[in-house]
N, C-alpha and C. Protein backbone atom coordinates (compact mmCIF):
# COMPACT_ATOMS: atom_id res chain seq x y z
N MET A 1 -83.41 167.02 -83.37
CA MET A 1 -83.71 167.10 -81.83
C MET A 1 -83.71 168.54 -81.19
N ASP A 2 -84.28 168.50 -80.60
CA ASP A 2 -84.57 169.67 -79.35
C ASP A 2 -83.42 170.18 -78.16
N LYS A 3 -83.46 171.40 -77.59
CA LYS A 3 -82.46 171.09 -76.37
C LYS A 3 -82.29 170.08 -75.53
N ALA A 4 -83.81 169.97 -75.35
CA ALA A 4 -84.06 169.15 -74.07
C ALA A 4 -83.94 167.69 -74.42
N GLU A 5 -83.92 166.86 -75.90
CA GLU A 5 -84.06 165.77 -76.14
C GLU A 5 -82.59 165.46 -76.23
N ARG A 6 -81.25 167.11 -77.03
CA ARG A 6 -80.02 165.92 -76.64
C ARG A 6 -79.22 166.53 -74.80
N ARG A 7 -79.74 166.90 -74.14
CA ARG A 7 -79.38 167.01 -73.11
C ARG A 7 -79.49 165.75 -72.35
N LEU A 8 -80.63 165.21 -72.21
CA LEU A 8 -80.89 163.90 -71.93
C LEU A 8 -80.23 163.08 -72.65
N GLU A 9 -80.00 162.85 -73.95
CA GLU A 9 -78.93 162.01 -74.42
C GLU A 9 -77.54 161.81 -73.77
N LEU A 10 -77.04 163.28 -73.43
CA LEU A 10 -75.45 163.38 -73.36
C LEU A 10 -75.76 162.83 -71.76
N LEU A 11 -77.20 163.22 -70.90
CA LEU A 11 -77.25 162.17 -69.66
C LEU A 11 -77.14 161.08 -69.87
N ARG A 12 -77.35 160.60 -70.62
CA ARG A 12 -77.78 158.76 -70.90
C ARG A 12 -76.69 158.51 -70.92
N ALA A 13 -75.93 159.17 -72.35
CA ALA A 13 -74.03 158.46 -72.71
C ALA A 13 -73.37 158.63 -71.41
N ALA A 14 -73.24 159.70 -70.30
CA ALA A 14 -72.60 160.14 -69.61
C ALA A 14 -72.99 158.50 -68.35
N ARG A 15 -74.03 158.36 -67.90
CA ARG A 15 -74.65 157.54 -67.49
C ARG A 15 -73.74 156.14 -67.89
N ASP A 16 -73.83 156.13 -69.09
CA ASP A 16 -73.58 154.08 -69.52
C ASP A 16 -71.47 154.63 -69.62
N VAL A 17 -71.40 155.33 -69.60
CA VAL A 17 -69.83 155.87 -69.97
C VAL A 17 -69.18 155.42 -68.02
N PHE A 18 -69.77 155.87 -67.12
CA PHE A 18 -69.52 156.12 -66.19
C PHE A 18 -70.09 154.90 -65.59
N ALA A 19 -70.91 154.20 -66.13
CA ALA A 19 -71.09 153.11 -65.17
C ALA A 19 -69.90 151.67 -65.81
N THR A 20 -69.40 152.09 -67.14
CA THR A 20 -68.54 151.02 -67.40
C THR A 20 -67.21 151.24 -67.34
N LYS A 21 -66.55 152.39 -67.18
CA LYS A 21 -65.30 152.71 -67.36
C LYS A 21 -65.13 153.55 -65.55
N GLY A 22 -66.22 153.54 -64.80
CA GLY A 22 -65.70 154.35 -63.73
C GLY A 22 -65.58 155.66 -64.28
N TYR A 23 -65.93 156.45 -62.50
CA TYR A 23 -66.34 158.24 -63.17
C TYR A 23 -65.40 158.62 -62.70
N HIS A 24 -64.06 158.05 -62.46
CA HIS A 24 -62.91 158.33 -62.62
C HIS A 24 -61.86 158.52 -63.57
N ALA A 25 -62.19 157.29 -63.82
CA ALA A 25 -61.45 157.19 -65.00
C ALA A 25 -62.44 157.44 -66.81
N ALA A 26 -63.17 158.25 -66.30
CA ALA A 26 -64.36 158.59 -67.64
C ALA A 26 -64.03 159.63 -68.16
N LYS A 27 -63.99 160.11 -69.58
CA LYS A 27 -63.52 161.74 -70.04
C LYS A 27 -64.36 162.12 -70.72
N VAL A 28 -64.79 163.14 -71.02
CA VAL A 28 -65.83 163.49 -71.95
C VAL A 28 -65.60 163.34 -73.11
N ASP A 29 -64.92 163.07 -73.83
CA ASP A 29 -64.29 162.72 -75.17
C ASP A 29 -64.92 161.23 -75.00
N ASP A 30 -65.25 160.11 -74.28
CA ASP A 30 -65.88 159.33 -74.01
C ASP A 30 -67.51 159.50 -73.97
N ILE A 31 -68.04 160.63 -73.68
CA ILE A 31 -69.55 160.89 -73.13
C ILE A 31 -69.44 161.64 -74.58
N VAL A 32 -69.15 162.45 -75.32
CA VAL A 32 -69.69 162.68 -76.61
C VAL A 32 -69.36 161.37 -78.16
N ALA A 33 -68.27 160.83 -77.05
CA ALA A 33 -68.48 159.53 -78.49
C ALA A 33 -69.21 158.64 -78.10
N ARG A 34 -69.93 158.13 -77.33
CA ARG A 34 -71.11 157.29 -77.02
C ARG A 34 -72.22 158.47 -77.79
N ALA A 35 -72.58 159.69 -77.21
CA ALA A 35 -73.21 159.66 -77.69
C ALA A 35 -73.41 160.32 -79.29
N SER A 36 -72.42 160.33 -79.76
CA SER A 36 -72.12 160.55 -81.50
C SER A 36 -72.66 162.13 -81.34
N VAL A 37 -71.96 162.95 -80.76
CA VAL A 37 -71.79 164.48 -80.98
C VAL A 37 -70.42 165.59 -80.72
N ALA A 38 -70.36 166.52 -81.31
CA ALA A 38 -68.87 167.14 -81.11
C ALA A 38 -68.88 167.60 -79.79
N LYS A 39 -67.48 167.84 -79.60
CA LYS A 39 -67.38 168.08 -78.15
C LYS A 39 -67.86 169.04 -77.85
N GLY A 40 -67.64 170.16 -78.58
CA GLY A 40 -68.49 171.56 -78.51
C GLY A 40 -69.63 171.55 -77.81
N THR A 41 -70.14 170.16 -78.28
CA THR A 41 -71.64 170.41 -77.98
C THR A 41 -72.00 169.93 -76.78
N PHE A 42 -71.24 169.56 -75.96
CA PHE A 42 -70.90 169.05 -74.98
C PHE A 42 -71.14 170.20 -73.60
N TYR A 43 -69.85 170.91 -74.33
CA TYR A 43 -69.75 172.02 -73.68
C TYR A 43 -70.81 173.40 -73.54
N LEU A 44 -71.94 172.67 -74.95
CA LEU A 44 -73.24 174.22 -74.14
C LEU A 44 -73.92 173.31 -73.81
N TYR A 45 -73.68 172.40 -72.73
CA TYR A 45 -74.88 171.76 -71.94
C TYR A 45 -74.41 171.79 -70.24
N PHE A 46 -72.86 171.59 -70.29
CA PHE A 46 -72.61 171.24 -69.00
C PHE A 46 -70.90 171.86 -69.06
N PRO A 47 -70.60 171.75 -68.33
CA PRO A 47 -69.08 172.95 -67.82
C PRO A 47 -68.35 170.86 -67.94
N ASP A 48 -68.72 170.39 -67.40
CA ASP A 48 -67.57 169.11 -66.94
C ASP A 48 -68.27 168.17 -66.66
N LYS A 49 -67.77 166.74 -66.38
CA LYS A 49 -68.12 165.64 -66.55
C LYS A 49 -68.88 165.40 -65.08
N ARG A 50 -67.88 166.51 -63.79
CA ARG A 50 -68.52 166.44 -62.23
C ARG A 50 -69.90 166.88 -62.83
N SER A 51 -70.54 167.79 -63.12
CA SER A 51 -71.39 168.25 -63.32
C SER A 51 -72.74 167.07 -64.17
N VAL A 52 -72.56 166.52 -64.89
CA VAL A 52 -73.26 165.84 -65.52
C VAL A 52 -73.57 164.61 -64.18
N PHE A 53 -72.62 164.53 -63.87
CA PHE A 53 -72.44 163.28 -62.59
C PHE A 53 -73.34 163.82 -61.60
N VAL A 54 -73.83 165.53 -60.79
CA VAL A 54 -74.01 165.73 -60.55
C VAL A 54 -75.84 165.75 -60.44
N GLU A 55 -76.36 166.12 -62.01
CA GLU A 55 -77.36 166.30 -62.42
C GLU A 55 -77.92 164.57 -62.18
N LEU A 56 -77.39 163.89 -62.75
CA LEU A 56 -77.61 162.43 -62.96
C LEU A 56 -78.46 161.50 -61.10
N VAL A 57 -77.18 162.58 -60.23
CA VAL A 57 -77.43 161.78 -58.56
C VAL A 57 -78.89 162.38 -58.02
N ASP A 58 -79.21 164.28 -58.65
CA ASP A 58 -80.13 164.48 -58.21
C ASP A 58 -80.83 164.17 -58.85
N GLY A 59 -80.79 163.73 -60.43
CA GLY A 59 -82.72 163.38 -60.29
C GLY A 59 -82.76 161.85 -60.27
N LEU A 60 -82.15 161.23 -59.72
CA LEU A 60 -82.47 159.88 -59.17
C LEU A 60 -82.91 159.98 -57.74
N PHE A 61 -82.26 161.24 -56.98
CA PHE A 61 -83.03 161.44 -55.72
C PHE A 61 -84.24 161.68 -55.82
N SER A 62 -84.44 162.47 -57.12
CA SER A 62 -85.92 163.44 -57.13
C SER A 62 -87.10 162.12 -57.11
N ARG A 63 -86.66 161.16 -58.32
CA ARG A 63 -87.14 160.15 -58.36
C ARG A 63 -88.16 159.24 -57.38
N LEU A 64 -87.13 159.00 -56.55
CA LEU A 64 -86.95 158.59 -54.94
C LEU A 64 -87.47 159.04 -54.39
N GLY A 65 -87.94 160.25 -54.14
CA GLY A 65 -88.67 161.07 -53.60
C GLY A 65 -89.90 161.31 -53.82
N ALA A 66 -90.32 161.38 -54.86
CA ALA A 66 -91.68 161.16 -55.39
C ALA A 66 -91.97 159.77 -55.41
N ALA A 67 -91.20 158.66 -55.05
CA ALA A 67 -91.69 157.29 -55.12
C ALA A 67 -92.37 156.51 -53.66
N ILE A 68 -91.69 157.80 -52.60
CA ILE A 68 -92.44 157.67 -50.84
C ILE A 68 -93.76 158.44 -50.68
N LEU A 69 -94.33 157.70 -50.90
CA LEU A 69 -95.80 158.33 -50.51
C LEU A 69 -96.63 158.23 -48.83
N THR A 70 -97.18 159.63 -48.53
CA THR A 70 -97.98 159.53 -47.34
C THR A 70 -98.47 158.08 -46.82
N VAL A 71 -98.75 157.11 -46.20
CA VAL A 71 -99.84 156.16 -45.48
C VAL A 71 -100.42 156.86 -45.09
N ASP A 72 -101.80 156.18 -45.42
CA ASP A 72 -103.08 156.52 -44.32
C ASP A 72 -103.39 155.31 -44.32
N THR A 73 -103.56 155.76 -42.70
CA THR A 73 -104.01 154.36 -42.07
C THR A 73 -105.72 154.35 -42.49
N GLN A 74 -106.32 154.75 -43.26
CA GLN A 74 -107.17 154.92 -42.92
C GLN A 74 -107.51 154.34 -44.35
N GLY A 75 -106.55 153.27 -45.34
CA GLY A 75 -106.57 152.37 -45.98
C GLY A 75 -106.18 151.15 -46.07
N ASP A 76 -105.32 150.56 -46.83
CA ASP A 76 -104.54 149.26 -46.61
C ASP A 76 -103.59 149.73 -46.24
N ILE A 77 -103.04 149.73 -45.16
CA ILE A 77 -101.42 150.25 -44.72
C ILE A 77 -100.30 149.05 -45.12
N GLU A 78 -100.44 147.91 -45.41
CA GLU A 78 -99.63 146.96 -45.90
C GLU A 78 -99.71 147.34 -47.49
N ALA A 79 -100.71 147.19 -48.19
CA ALA A 79 -100.50 147.52 -49.15
C ALA A 79 -100.09 148.75 -49.30
N GLN A 80 -100.23 149.88 -48.87
CA GLN A 80 -99.56 151.31 -48.76
C GLN A 80 -97.74 151.09 -48.96
N ILE A 81 -97.08 150.49 -48.03
CA ILE A 81 -96.02 150.01 -47.68
C ILE A 81 -95.16 149.57 -48.64
N LYS A 82 -96.07 148.34 -49.30
CA LYS A 82 -95.78 147.87 -50.05
C LYS A 82 -95.38 148.49 -51.32
N HIS A 83 -96.67 149.29 -51.50
CA HIS A 83 -96.44 149.90 -53.45
C HIS A 83 -94.92 151.08 -53.03
N ASN A 84 -94.75 151.54 -51.49
CA ASN A 84 -93.62 152.51 -51.72
C ASN A 84 -92.67 151.87 -51.95
N ILE A 85 -92.32 151.17 -51.20
CA ILE A 85 -91.16 149.39 -51.59
C ILE A 85 -91.19 149.34 -52.85
N ARG A 86 -92.21 149.24 -53.72
CA ARG A 86 -92.29 148.74 -54.82
C ARG A 86 -92.26 149.76 -56.09
N GLY A 87 -92.02 151.30 -55.38
CA GLY A 87 -91.82 152.13 -56.15
C GLY A 87 -90.06 152.64 -56.17
N ILE A 88 -89.41 152.16 -54.60
CA ILE A 88 -88.30 152.48 -54.65
C ILE A 88 -87.39 151.24 -55.36
N VAL A 89 -87.76 150.07 -55.66
CA VAL A 89 -87.36 149.40 -55.94
C VAL A 89 -87.19 149.45 -57.71
N ALA A 90 -88.36 150.01 -58.33
CA ALA A 90 -88.30 150.54 -59.72
C ALA A 90 -87.36 151.27 -60.19
N VAL A 91 -87.36 152.58 -59.25
CA VAL A 91 -86.36 153.31 -59.66
C VAL A 91 -85.14 153.42 -59.63
N LEU A 92 -84.48 152.59 -58.61
CA LEU A 92 -83.29 151.87 -58.78
C LEU A 92 -82.70 150.69 -59.61
N LEU A 93 -84.07 150.01 -59.71
CA LEU A 93 -83.25 148.55 -60.77
C LEU A 93 -83.80 149.53 -62.30
N ASP A 94 -84.97 150.61 -62.44
CA ASP A 94 -84.70 151.04 -63.61
C ASP A 94 -83.51 151.96 -64.38
N ASP A 95 -82.49 151.71 -63.36
CA ASP A 95 -81.60 152.48 -63.96
C ASP A 95 -80.05 151.75 -63.06
N PRO A 96 -80.16 150.87 -63.64
CA PRO A 96 -79.10 149.78 -62.78
C PRO A 96 -77.33 150.69 -63.43
N ALA A 97 -76.97 151.33 -64.53
CA ALA A 97 -75.72 151.60 -64.48
C ALA A 97 -75.78 152.64 -63.50
N LEU A 98 -76.80 153.77 -63.36
CA LEU A 98 -76.45 154.62 -62.17
C LEU A 98 -76.39 154.20 -60.29
N THR A 99 -77.02 153.21 -60.36
CA THR A 99 -77.66 152.53 -59.04
C THR A 99 -75.67 151.65 -58.95
N GLN A 100 -75.47 150.71 -59.81
CA GLN A 100 -74.47 150.31 -59.21
C GLN A 100 -73.48 150.93 -59.03
N LEU A 101 -73.09 152.87 -60.36
CA LEU A 101 -72.12 153.56 -59.90
C LEU A 101 -72.55 154.48 -58.15
N LEU A 102 -73.37 154.21 -57.69
CA LEU A 102 -73.53 155.38 -56.88
C LEU A 102 -72.95 153.72 -55.52
N LEU A 103 -73.50 152.39 -55.84
CA LEU A 103 -73.21 151.69 -54.79
C LEU A 103 -72.22 151.28 -54.68
N SER A 104 -71.29 151.27 -55.96
CA SER A 104 -70.09 150.87 -56.23
C SER A 104 -68.69 151.57 -55.91
N PHE A 105 -68.98 153.09 -55.51
CA PHE A 105 -67.70 153.61 -55.87
C PHE A 105 -66.98 153.84 -54.68
N ALA A 106 -65.61 154.01 -55.10
CA ALA A 106 -64.88 154.03 -53.29
C ALA A 106 -63.67 155.28 -53.64
N PRO A 107 -64.65 156.18 -52.02
CA PRO A 107 -63.97 157.14 -51.43
C PRO A 107 -62.50 157.62 -51.78
N GLY A 108 -62.11 158.96 -52.52
CA GLY A 108 -60.61 159.23 -51.64
C GLY A 108 -60.48 159.44 -52.78
N LEU A 109 -60.69 158.99 -54.04
CA LEU A 109 -59.82 159.29 -55.23
C LEU A 109 -60.37 160.96 -55.60
N ASP A 110 -61.57 161.27 -55.36
CA ASP A 110 -62.04 162.84 -55.88
C ASP A 110 -62.94 163.34 -54.28
N PRO A 111 -62.65 163.93 -54.02
CA PRO A 111 -63.37 164.38 -52.43
C PRO A 111 -64.41 164.66 -52.87
N ALA A 112 -64.66 166.16 -54.07
CA ALA A 112 -65.94 166.21 -54.55
C ALA A 112 -66.97 165.10 -54.54
N PHE A 113 -66.20 164.32 -55.88
CA PHE A 113 -67.14 163.27 -56.07
C PHE A 113 -67.71 162.31 -55.02
N ALA A 114 -66.87 162.25 -54.00
CA ALA A 114 -67.10 161.47 -52.35
C ALA A 114 -68.05 162.27 -52.09
N ALA A 115 -68.48 163.49 -51.97
CA ALA A 115 -69.03 164.75 -50.80
C ALA A 115 -70.44 164.12 -51.57
N LYS A 116 -70.44 163.70 -53.12
CA LYS A 116 -71.79 164.16 -53.36
C LYS A 116 -72.42 162.74 -53.49
N ILE A 117 -71.99 161.63 -53.46
CA ILE A 117 -72.08 160.24 -53.02
C ILE A 117 -72.71 160.53 -51.54
N ARG A 118 -72.57 161.08 -50.99
CA ARG A 118 -72.66 161.15 -49.47
C ARG A 118 -73.60 162.01 -49.42
N SER A 119 -73.57 162.65 -49.28
CA SER A 119 -75.09 163.90 -49.27
C SER A 119 -76.19 163.01 -50.36
N PHE A 120 -75.98 162.27 -51.49
CA PHE A 120 -76.92 161.59 -51.82
C PHE A 120 -77.68 160.47 -50.62
N TYR A 121 -76.56 159.84 -50.02
CA TYR A 121 -76.93 159.06 -49.00
C TYR A 121 -77.77 159.47 -47.76
N ASP A 122 -77.35 160.90 -47.35
CA ASP A 122 -77.58 161.46 -46.72
C ASP A 122 -79.25 162.24 -46.43
N GLY A 123 -79.26 162.67 -48.24
CA GLY A 123 -80.65 162.41 -48.67
C GLY A 123 -81.86 161.50 -48.34
N VAL A 124 -81.19 160.38 -48.78
CA VAL A 124 -81.88 159.22 -48.71
C VAL A 124 -82.47 158.67 -47.38
N LYS A 125 -81.40 159.07 -46.44
CA LYS A 125 -81.96 158.82 -45.28
C LYS A 125 -82.50 159.34 -44.46
N THR A 126 -82.57 160.91 -44.37
CA THR A 126 -83.43 162.32 -44.23
C THR A 126 -85.10 161.53 -44.98
N LEU A 127 -84.97 161.44 -45.83
CA LEU A 127 -86.77 161.00 -46.75
C LEU A 127 -86.79 159.57 -45.75
N LEU A 128 -85.67 158.86 -45.45
CA LEU A 128 -86.30 157.05 -44.82
C LEU A 128 -87.07 157.85 -43.55
N ARG A 129 -86.20 158.77 -42.69
CA ARG A 129 -86.08 159.11 -41.57
C ARG A 129 -87.86 159.79 -41.15
N MET A 130 -87.83 161.16 -41.61
CA MET A 130 -88.85 161.59 -41.99
C MET A 130 -91.02 160.73 -42.48
N SER A 131 -90.19 159.80 -43.06
CA SER A 131 -91.59 159.29 -43.13
C SER A 131 -91.57 157.65 -42.38
N LEU A 132 -90.25 157.96 -41.40
CA LEU A 132 -90.83 156.93 -39.97
C LEU A 132 -91.11 157.73 -39.42
N ASP A 133 -90.86 159.37 -38.77
CA ASP A 133 -91.44 159.99 -37.80
C ASP A 133 -92.55 160.50 -38.12
N GLU A 134 -93.30 160.24 -39.26
CA GLU A 134 -94.60 159.92 -39.11
C GLU A 134 -95.31 158.66 -38.95
N GLY A 135 -94.79 157.81 -39.46
CA GLY A 135 -94.88 156.39 -38.98
C GLY A 135 -95.27 156.06 -37.61
N GLN A 136 -94.01 156.59 -36.66
CA GLN A 136 -94.12 156.53 -35.23
C GLN A 136 -95.37 157.80 -35.13
N ARG A 137 -95.84 158.38 -35.54
CA ARG A 137 -96.85 159.37 -35.16
C ARG A 137 -98.56 158.57 -35.07
N LEU A 138 -98.30 157.64 -36.26
CA LEU A 138 -99.45 157.17 -37.03
C LEU A 138 -99.71 155.63 -36.21
N GLY A 139 -98.60 155.22 -35.42
CA GLY A 139 -98.40 154.15 -34.26
C GLY A 139 -98.15 152.95 -34.96
N ILE A 140 -97.56 153.46 -36.29
CA ILE A 140 -97.09 151.79 -37.21
C ILE A 140 -95.60 151.39 -37.85
N VAL A 141 -94.81 152.37 -36.81
CA VAL A 141 -93.39 152.17 -36.26
C VAL A 141 -92.94 152.01 -34.77
N ALA A 142 -92.11 150.91 -34.48
CA ALA A 142 -91.87 151.44 -33.12
C ALA A 142 -91.08 152.26 -32.67
N GLU A 143 -91.11 152.67 -31.12
CA GLU A 143 -90.53 153.68 -30.91
C GLU A 143 -89.08 153.25 -30.93
N GLY A 144 -88.68 154.50 -31.10
CA GLY A 144 -87.09 154.31 -31.36
C GLY A 144 -86.52 155.30 -32.19
N ASP A 145 -84.80 155.31 -32.15
CA ASP A 145 -84.24 156.25 -33.11
C ASP A 145 -84.77 156.06 -34.64
N THR A 146 -85.22 156.50 -34.84
CA THR A 146 -85.60 156.43 -36.49
C THR A 146 -84.28 156.72 -37.56
N SER A 147 -83.55 158.11 -36.71
CA SER A 147 -82.06 157.97 -37.30
C SER A 147 -81.50 156.58 -38.00
N MET A 148 -81.64 156.11 -36.75
CA MET A 148 -81.09 154.96 -36.59
C MET A 148 -81.37 154.00 -37.83
N TYR A 149 -82.65 153.46 -37.57
CA TYR A 149 -83.60 152.68 -38.37
C TYR A 149 -83.47 153.08 -39.75
N ALA A 150 -83.05 154.15 -40.41
CA ALA A 150 -82.89 154.46 -41.79
C ALA A 150 -81.36 154.53 -41.92
N THR A 151 -80.61 154.12 -40.84
CA THR A 151 -78.94 153.28 -41.45
C THR A 151 -79.37 152.36 -41.52
N PHE A 152 -80.19 151.36 -40.52
CA PHE A 152 -79.94 150.13 -41.29
C PHE A 152 -81.10 149.74 -42.28
N THR A 153 -82.20 150.04 -42.78
CA THR A 153 -82.74 150.25 -43.99
C THR A 153 -81.89 150.75 -44.56
N VAL A 154 -80.97 151.42 -45.01
CA VAL A 154 -80.01 152.32 -46.12
C VAL A 154 -79.33 150.67 -46.39
N GLY A 155 -78.24 150.72 -45.61
CA GLY A 155 -77.66 149.13 -45.42
C GLY A 155 -77.72 148.15 -45.98
N ALA A 156 -79.31 147.70 -45.33
CA ALA A 156 -79.69 146.45 -46.12
C ALA A 156 -80.43 146.52 -47.70
N LEU A 157 -80.88 147.79 -47.28
CA LEU A 157 -80.91 148.17 -49.72
C LEU A 157 -79.57 148.15 -50.26
N LYS A 158 -78.60 148.71 -49.52
CA LYS A 158 -77.29 148.42 -50.23
C LYS A 158 -76.86 147.14 -50.54
N GLU A 159 -76.77 146.38 -50.16
CA GLU A 159 -76.81 145.21 -49.72
C GLU A 159 -77.64 144.42 -50.86
N ILE A 160 -78.57 144.21 -50.95
CA ILE A 160 -79.61 143.71 -51.61
C ILE A 160 -79.42 144.21 -52.93
N PHE A 161 -79.42 145.68 -53.29
CA PHE A 161 -79.27 146.28 -54.79
C PHE A 161 -77.83 145.77 -55.78
N THR A 162 -77.14 146.03 -54.71
CA THR A 162 -75.65 145.33 -55.38
C THR A 162 -75.60 144.03 -55.89
N GLU A 163 -76.46 143.04 -54.76
CA GLU A 163 -76.54 141.72 -55.50
C GLU A 163 -77.12 141.76 -56.75
N SER A 164 -78.33 142.79 -56.94
CA SER A 164 -79.17 142.69 -58.15
C SER A 164 -78.72 143.61 -58.91
N THR A 165 -77.88 144.48 -58.59
CA THR A 165 -77.23 145.20 -60.50
C THR A 165 -75.48 144.61 -60.19
N ASP A 166 -75.34 143.98 -59.52
CA ASP A 166 -73.93 144.08 -59.94
C ASP A 166 -73.13 142.78 -59.66
N ARG A 167 -73.96 141.94 -58.94
CA ARG A 167 -73.29 140.22 -58.82
C ARG A 167 -74.07 139.55 -59.91
N GLY A 168 -75.48 140.08 -60.64
CA GLY A 168 -76.15 138.91 -61.48
C GLY A 168 -77.21 138.42 -60.91
N GLN A 169 -77.39 138.46 -59.44
CA GLN A 169 -78.78 138.04 -58.62
C GLN A 169 -79.95 138.51 -59.14
N ALA A 170 -80.31 138.32 -60.07
CA ALA A 170 -81.71 139.31 -60.36
C ALA A 170 -82.76 138.88 -59.99
N TRP A 171 -83.18 139.11 -58.99
CA TRP A 171 -84.26 138.09 -58.02
C TRP A 171 -85.84 139.18 -59.45
N PRO A 172 -86.64 138.37 -59.24
CA PRO A 172 -88.05 138.74 -59.21
C PRO A 172 -88.36 139.81 -58.38
N ARG A 173 -88.86 140.71 -59.25
CA ARG A 173 -88.81 142.18 -58.64
C ARG A 173 -89.66 142.00 -57.29
N GLU A 174 -91.25 141.47 -57.35
CA GLU A 174 -92.47 141.14 -56.75
C GLU A 174 -91.63 140.29 -55.29
N GLN A 175 -90.60 139.83 -55.65
CA GLN A 175 -90.04 138.92 -54.29
C GLN A 175 -89.38 139.76 -53.64
N LEU A 176 -88.14 140.87 -54.67
CA LEU A 176 -87.85 141.45 -53.40
C LEU A 176 -88.60 142.93 -53.16
N VAL A 177 -89.86 143.03 -53.28
CA VAL A 177 -91.00 144.14 -52.52
C VAL A 177 -91.34 142.82 -51.25
N GLU A 178 -91.58 141.72 -51.34
CA GLU A 178 -92.53 141.14 -50.72
C GLU A 178 -91.33 140.75 -49.18
N GLN A 179 -89.97 139.94 -50.01
CA GLN A 179 -89.08 140.19 -48.85
C GLN A 179 -88.61 141.28 -47.88
N ILE A 180 -88.11 142.33 -48.69
CA ILE A 180 -88.39 143.68 -48.21
C ILE A 180 -89.27 144.00 -46.68
N PHE A 181 -90.44 143.89 -47.48
CA PHE A 181 -91.54 144.06 -46.62
C PHE A 181 -91.61 143.38 -44.97
N ARG A 182 -91.39 141.85 -45.54
CA ARG A 182 -91.66 141.34 -44.13
C ARG A 182 -89.83 141.21 -42.99
N LEU A 183 -88.75 141.75 -44.22
CA LEU A 183 -88.01 141.98 -43.17
C LEU A 183 -88.34 143.54 -41.97
N LEU A 184 -88.30 144.70 -42.73
CA LEU A 184 -89.12 145.56 -42.24
C LEU A 184 -90.27 145.31 -41.01
N GLN A 185 -91.19 144.62 -41.23
CA GLN A 185 -92.29 143.62 -40.19
C GLN A 185 -91.41 143.14 -39.27
N ARG A 186 -90.42 142.30 -39.42
CA ARG A 186 -89.87 141.70 -38.46
C ARG A 186 -89.34 142.88 -37.65
N GLY A 187 -88.69 144.33 -38.04
CA GLY A 187 -88.18 144.96 -37.51
C GLY A 187 -88.85 146.39 -36.53
N TYR A 188 -89.05 146.84 -37.17
CA TYR A 188 -89.56 148.00 -36.73
C TYR A 188 -91.25 148.20 -37.12
N LEU A 189 -91.70 148.17 -37.98
CA LEU A 189 -93.02 147.78 -38.32
C LEU A 189 -93.59 147.25 -37.27
N ARG A 190 -94.76 147.86 -36.83
CA ARG A 190 -95.89 147.91 -36.59
C ARG A 190 -96.98 148.07 -36.81
N ILE A 191 -97.59 147.37 -38.14
CA ILE A 191 -98.92 147.44 -38.01
C ILE A 191 -99.64 146.06 -38.06
N ASP A 192 -99.47 145.06 -37.43
CA ASP A 192 -100.07 143.93 -37.05
C ASP A 192 -101.58 144.69 -36.65
N ARG A 193 -101.54 144.86 -35.60
CA ARG A 193 -102.88 146.06 -34.23
C ARG A 193 -103.75 146.39 -35.68
N ALA A 194 -103.02 147.34 -36.47
CA ALA A 194 -103.88 148.38 -37.13
C ALA A 194 -104.52 147.45 -38.57
N LEU A 195 -104.05 147.03 -38.94
CA LEU A 195 -104.42 145.30 -39.77
C LEU A 195 -105.42 144.59 -39.68
N ASP A 196 -105.37 144.30 -38.05
CA ASP A 196 -106.35 143.23 -37.58
C ASP A 196 -107.94 143.98 -37.47
N PRO A 197 -109.10 143.26 -38.08
CA PRO A 197 -110.25 144.58 -36.97
C PRO A 197 -110.28 144.18 -35.98
N PRO A 198 -111.41 145.48 -35.34
CA PRO A 198 -111.55 145.36 -33.99
C PRO A 198 -111.69 144.28 -33.15
N VAL A 199 -111.53 144.08 -32.05
CA VAL A 199 -112.21 142.94 -31.17
C VAL A 199 -113.23 143.50 -29.95
N SER A 200 -114.49 143.00 -30.78
CA SER A 200 -115.52 143.33 -29.43
C SER A 200 -115.43 142.62 -28.52
N VAL A 201 -115.69 143.32 -27.01
CA VAL A 201 -115.67 142.31 -25.99
C VAL A 201 -116.98 142.45 -25.76
N PRO A 202 -117.34 140.73 -25.33
CA PRO A 202 -119.17 141.22 -24.74
C PRO A 202 -119.47 141.79 -23.22
N PRO A 203 -120.60 142.25 -23.11
CA PRO A 203 -120.91 142.65 -21.94
C PRO A 203 -120.32 141.75 -20.71
N ALA A 204 -119.94 142.20 -19.88
CA ALA A 204 -119.87 140.92 -18.72
C ALA A 204 -121.13 140.44 -18.24
N PRO A 205 -121.32 139.46 -17.72
CA PRO A 205 -122.99 139.13 -17.27
C PRO A 205 -123.32 139.69 -15.89
N ARG A 206 -124.25 140.35 -16.20
CA ARG A 206 -125.11 141.09 -14.66
C ARG A 206 -124.99 139.74 -13.82
N LYS A 207 -124.81 140.12 -12.37
CA LYS A 207 -124.60 139.52 -11.33
C LYS A 207 -126.11 139.59 -10.71
N THR A 208 -126.81 138.62 -9.45
CA THR A 208 -128.33 139.07 -9.55
C THR A 208 -127.77 138.70 -8.21
N ARG A 209 -128.83 139.23 -7.54
CA ARG A 209 -129.02 138.91 -6.18
C ARG A 209 -129.41 137.86 -5.58
N LYS A 210 -128.99 136.78 -4.66
CA LYS A 210 -130.21 135.97 -4.09
C LYS A 210 -130.90 136.19 -3.45
N LYS A 211 -132.43 136.32 -3.12
CA LYS A 211 -133.57 136.00 -2.40
C LYS A 211 -133.28 135.73 -1.27
N SER A 212 -133.19 136.04 -0.19
CA SER A 212 -133.21 135.57 1.14
C SER A 212 -134.44 134.78 1.51
N ALA A 213 -134.40 133.86 2.12
CA ALA A 213 -135.23 133.03 2.57
C ALA A 213 -136.46 133.52 3.45
């Protein structure tokens, strides 16, 4: 096994241990036992368990960023927005252990841990706000405070994914995509006009003067 594979194996083991025992209760001994490696091997790659957690969170954030594509108003706008939603759903549900950990943490026990969680959510909100700013420029997002829109959206997504990963409410992914899209459409999305074909207005009939007798 090469170094990249070994590092990935340790990351996966740490993710599973964090999800089952909780970050604060997890120990390096638990991670190496899960990965079936010596403790010294762990320290060849990571200085402590927090550095493993940071890399896991940063990796998830990078995948979320890659899943959000710029909308082209010359194409099928609804399909593109659903593609972005589908990508976000896939990133979070394909890694349920880490997603559950991010959704269910309790702040206060470890300030550095809590700060990393907050930075993750701040980063997600920034990504979403930038996307919404572009949407306003394109005329497919309602006028308003995009930072507030982003906060509302992240809050709704957190509850949806909490039920999907923690409470065993496993909705079909396409149903999730469709319902999230409809929720946004009833909120700040303004794509109806962009989706409708242009309406041609016939010219008004020309008035003719009556001839005088």
